[in-house]
């Protein structure tokens, strides 16, 4: 009986250690998934190869953020576009860790029962609306925040516009809409 009890306790301990390790380690993305980076990882990669940065600003409580993860970012065409044209970053608008970007330190600000991160406020032009995606240039300067849930076909069109630097080439959004060839 003691041996059985000891074995059960040892097995439970192994499970607990495994669970803790998996919580600390980000899940490796499957092939075809968006290869999400932290902002620090994107900055490091941008030192070697310049690319625009895509930031998905979300919160843990945001239902539409979860839908966008499940239906838009899991779409293979969207994932491929984000992985090839951008450094895709996930950023929790309520994270508590400080972030340094372009020489400025952004902090968490407690507000009521929760709070917000100063970088989220900066990226979203102080309009804390989730989900909002933000396009930054290769030097981490703001191009455009795009608030709200977007289905994969609409999101693909927006991301391709910025990913191909159409905004820098003087192509208006109206002209882009007319010339865009949807893969859907």
Protein backbone atom coordinates (compact mmCIF):
# COMPACT_ATOMS: atom_id res chain seq x y z
CA UNK A 1 0.00 0.00 0.00
CA UNK A 2 2.84 2.39 0.89
CA UNK A 3 4.56 1.59 -2.40
CA UNK A 4 1.36 2.38 -4.37
CA UNK A 5 0.88 5.65 -2.46
CA UNK A 6 4.53 6.63 -3.04
CA UNK A 7 4.24 5.86 -6.79
CA UNK A 8 1.07 7.95 -7.08
CA UNK A 9 2.73 10.90 -5.28
CA UNK A 10 5.85 10.64 -7.46
CA UNK A 11 3.73 10.58 -10.62
CA UNK A 12 1.76 13.63 -9.43
CA UNK A 13 5.05 15.45 -8.78
CA UNK A 14 6.29 14.70 -12.30
CA UNK A 15 3.01 15.99 -13.74
CA UNK A 16 3.25 19.21 -11.69
CA UNK A 17 6.84 19.89 -12.85
CA UNK A 18 5.88 19.18 -16.47
CA UNK A 19 2.88 21.52 -16.25
CA UNK A 20 4.99 24.33 -14.73
CA UNK A 21 7.63 23.95 -17.43
CA UNK A 22 5.01 24.11 -20.17
CA UNK A 23 3.50 27.30 -18.70
CA UNK A 24 6.89 29.05 -18.74
CA UNK A 25 7.79 27.92 -22.25
CA UNK A 26 5.89 29.45 -25.20
CA UNK A 27 4.27 26.88 -27.41
CA UNK A 28 6.17 26.28 -30.62
CA UNK A 29 4.08 27.33 -33.58
CA UNK A 30 3.12 24.63 -36.02
CA UNK A 31 4.14 25.00 -39.63
CA UNK A 32 1.65 27.33 -41.29
CA UNK A 33 0.87 29.21 -38.07
CA UNK A 34 1.85 32.80 -37.39
CA UNK A 35 5.34 32.81 -35.87
CA UNK A 36 4.53 35.27 -33.07
CA UNK A 37 7.39 37.19 -31.50
CA UNK A 38 7.77 39.37 -28.46
CA UNK A 39 8.54 43.02 -29.11
CA UNK A 40 12.12 42.42 -27.91
CA UNK A 41 12.54 39.53 -30.35
CA UNK A 42 11.17 41.64 -33.23
CA UNK A 43 13.57 44.47 -32.38
CA UNK A 44 16.50 42.07 -32.35
CA UNK A 45 15.50 40.55 -35.71
CA UNK A 46 15.00 44.04 -37.18
CA UNK A 47 18.65 44.85 -36.40
CA UNK A 48 19.70 42.18 -38.92
CA UNK A 49 16.91 42.40 -41.52
CA UNK A 50 14.61 45.42 -41.81
CA UNK A 51 10.91 44.60 -42.15
CA UNK A 52 7.70 46.29 -41.09
CA UNK A 53 6.32 45.16 -37.74
CA UNK A 54 2.79 43.93 -37.17
CA UNK A 55 1.43 44.15 -33.61
CA UNK A 56 -1.72 42.39 -32.43
CA UNK A 57 -2.78 44.33 -29.32
CA UNK A 58 -5.10 42.15 -27.26
CA UNK A 59 -6.23 41.45 -23.71
CA UNK A 60 -6.89 38.15 -21.97
CA UNK A 61 -10.56 39.02 -21.38
CA UNK A 62 -11.32 40.15 -24.96
CA UNK A 63 -13.69 37.71 -26.66
CA UNK A 64 -13.23 39.19 -30.15
CA UNK A 65 -9.45 38.89 -29.71
CA UNK A 66 -9.89 35.16 -29.20
CA UNK A 67 -12.16 34.92 -32.25
CA UNK A 68 -9.58 36.78 -34.33
CA UNK A 69 -6.87 34.35 -33.13
CA UNK A 70 -9.06 31.37 -33.96
CA UNK A 71 -10.53 32.53 -37.29
CA UNK A 72 -8.22 35.17 -38.79
CA UNK A 73 -4.69 34.53 -37.59
CA UNK A 74 -5.08 30.77 -38.00
CA UNK A 75 -5.93 31.20 -41.68
CA UNK A 76 -2.97 29.82 -43.71
CA UNK A 77 -2.95 32.74 -46.20
CA UNK A 78 -2.93 35.31 -43.39
CA UNK A 79 -0.24 33.41 -41.47
CA UNK A 80 1.96 33.16 -44.55
CA UNK A 81 1.60 36.88 -45.31
CA UNK A 82 2.39 37.92 -41.73
CA UNK A 83 5.39 35.57 -41.50
CA UNK A 84 6.87 36.60 -44.86
CA UNK A 85 6.28 40.35 -44.85
CA UNK A 86 6.37 41.36 -41.18
CA UNK A 87 7.76 40.61 -37.79
CA UNK A 88 4.45 39.62 -36.15
CA UNK A 89 4.18 40.58 -32.47
CA UNK A 90 1.52 39.73 -29.88
CA UNK A 91 1.21 42.41 -27.22
CA UNK A 92 -1.07 42.18 -24.17
CA UNK A 93 -2.48 45.67 -23.61
CA UNK A 94 -2.62 44.95 -19.87
CA UNK A 95 0.79 43.33 -19.33
CA UNK A 96 2.66 44.48 -16.27
CA UNK A 97 6.28 44.25 -17.53
CA UNK A 98 8.08 47.43 -18.65
CA UNK A 99 8.87 47.74 -22.36
CA UNK A 100 11.58 49.92 -23.89
CA UNK A 101 10.90 51.05 -27.46
CA UNK A 102 12.89 53.68 -29.35
CA UNK A 103 14.53 54.84 -26.11
CA UNK A 104 11.26 55.29 -24.19
CA UNK A 105 10.29 53.07 -21.26
CA UNK A 106 6.58 52.20 -21.18
CA UNK A 107 5.02 50.95 -17.94
CA UNK A 108 1.83 49.38 -16.64
CA UNK A 109 -0.65 51.90 -15.22
CA UNK A 110 -3.06 50.63 -12.57
CA UNK A 111 -6.56 51.96 -13.15
CA UNK A 112 -9.54 50.81 -11.11
CA UNK A 113 -9.71 47.04 -10.80
CA UNK A 114 -7.32 46.47 -13.69
CA UNK A 115 -5.15 48.81 -15.74
CA UNK A 116 -3.42 49.29 -19.04
CA UNK A 117 0.06 49.39 -20.47
CA UNK A 118 1.39 52.76 -21.64
CA UNK A 119 2.68 51.18 -24.86
CA UNK A 120 -0.80 49.92 -25.69
CA UNK A 121 -2.15 53.44 -25.17
CA UNK A 122 0.61 54.86 -27.41
CA UNK A 123 0.07 52.26 -30.15
CA UNK A 124 -3.70 52.74 -30.06
CA UNK A 125 -3.61 56.56 -29.95
CA UNK A 126 -5.13 56.41 -26.44
CA UNK A 127 -8.18 54.57 -27.81
CA UNK A 128 -7.97 51.36 -25.76
CA UNK A 129 -10.14 49.24 -28.01
CA UNK A 130 -9.49 45.52 -28.41
CA UNK A 131 -8.68 43.89 -30.68
CA UNK A 132 -6.63 46.48 -32.56
CA UNK A 133 -3.82 45.62 -34.91
CA UNK A 134 -1.02 48.09 -35.49
CA UNK A 135 1.32 48.39 -38.43
CA UNK A 136 4.76 49.86 -37.73
CA UNK A 137 7.50 50.60 -40.23
CA UNK A 138 10.91 48.91 -40.10
CA UNK A 139 12.09 51.55 -37.60
CA UNK A 140 9.15 50.94 -35.24
CA UNK A 141 7.37 54.17 -36.24
CA UNK A 142 3.58 54.15 -36.42
CA UNK A 143 2.02 53.57 -39.82
CA UNK A 144 -1.58 52.79 -38.88
CA UNK A 145 -3.66 51.21 -36.12
CA UNK A 146 -6.68 49.24 -37.36
CA UNK A 147 -9.29 48.67 -34.64
CA UNK A 148 -11.85 45.90 -34.47
CA UNK A 149 -12.33 42.30 -35.48
CA UNK A 150 -11.53 41.51 -39.12
CA UNK A 151 -12.30 38.30 -40.98
CA UNK A 152 -9.40 36.69 -42.83
CA UNK A 153 -10.20 37.99 -46.36
CA UNK A 154 -10.57 41.61 -45.20
CA UNK A 155 -7.54 41.38 -42.93
CA UNK A 156 -5.42 39.89 -45.73
CA UNK A 157 -6.19 42.86 -47.97
CA UNK A 158 -5.21 45.35 -45.23
CA UNK A 159 -2.02 43.48 -44.30
CA UNK A 160 -0.94 43.08 -47.91
CA UNK A 161 -1.39 46.83 -48.50
CA UNK A 162 1.04 47.64 -45.68
CA UNK A 163 3.25 44.60 -46.26
CA UNK A 164 3.92 45.67 -49.85
CA UNK A 165 4.47 49.29 -48.74
CA UNK A 166 1.67 50.52 -51.00
CA UNK A 167 1.19 53.45 -48.60
CA UNK A 168 4.80 54.54 -49.30
CA UNK A 169 4.33 54.20 -53.05
CA UNK A 170 1.47 56.71 -53.01
CA UNK A 171 -1.23 54.11 -53.72
CA UNK A 172 -4.45 55.26 -52.08
CA UNK A 173 -6.62 52.77 -50.21
CA UNK A 174 -9.41 53.24 -52.80
CA UNK A 175 -7.02 52.42 -55.65
CA UNK A 176 -5.68 49.45 -53.69
CA UNK A 177 -9.18 48.07 -53.14
CA UNK A 178 -9.75 48.19 -56.92
CA UNK A 179 -6.44 46.53 -57.84
CA UNK A 180 -6.18 43.98 -55.00
CA UNK A 181 -6.46 40.38 -56.15
CA UNK A 182 -7.85 38.32 -53.32
CA UNK A 183 -6.48 34.81 -52.81
CA UNK A 184 -9.88 33.80 -51.39
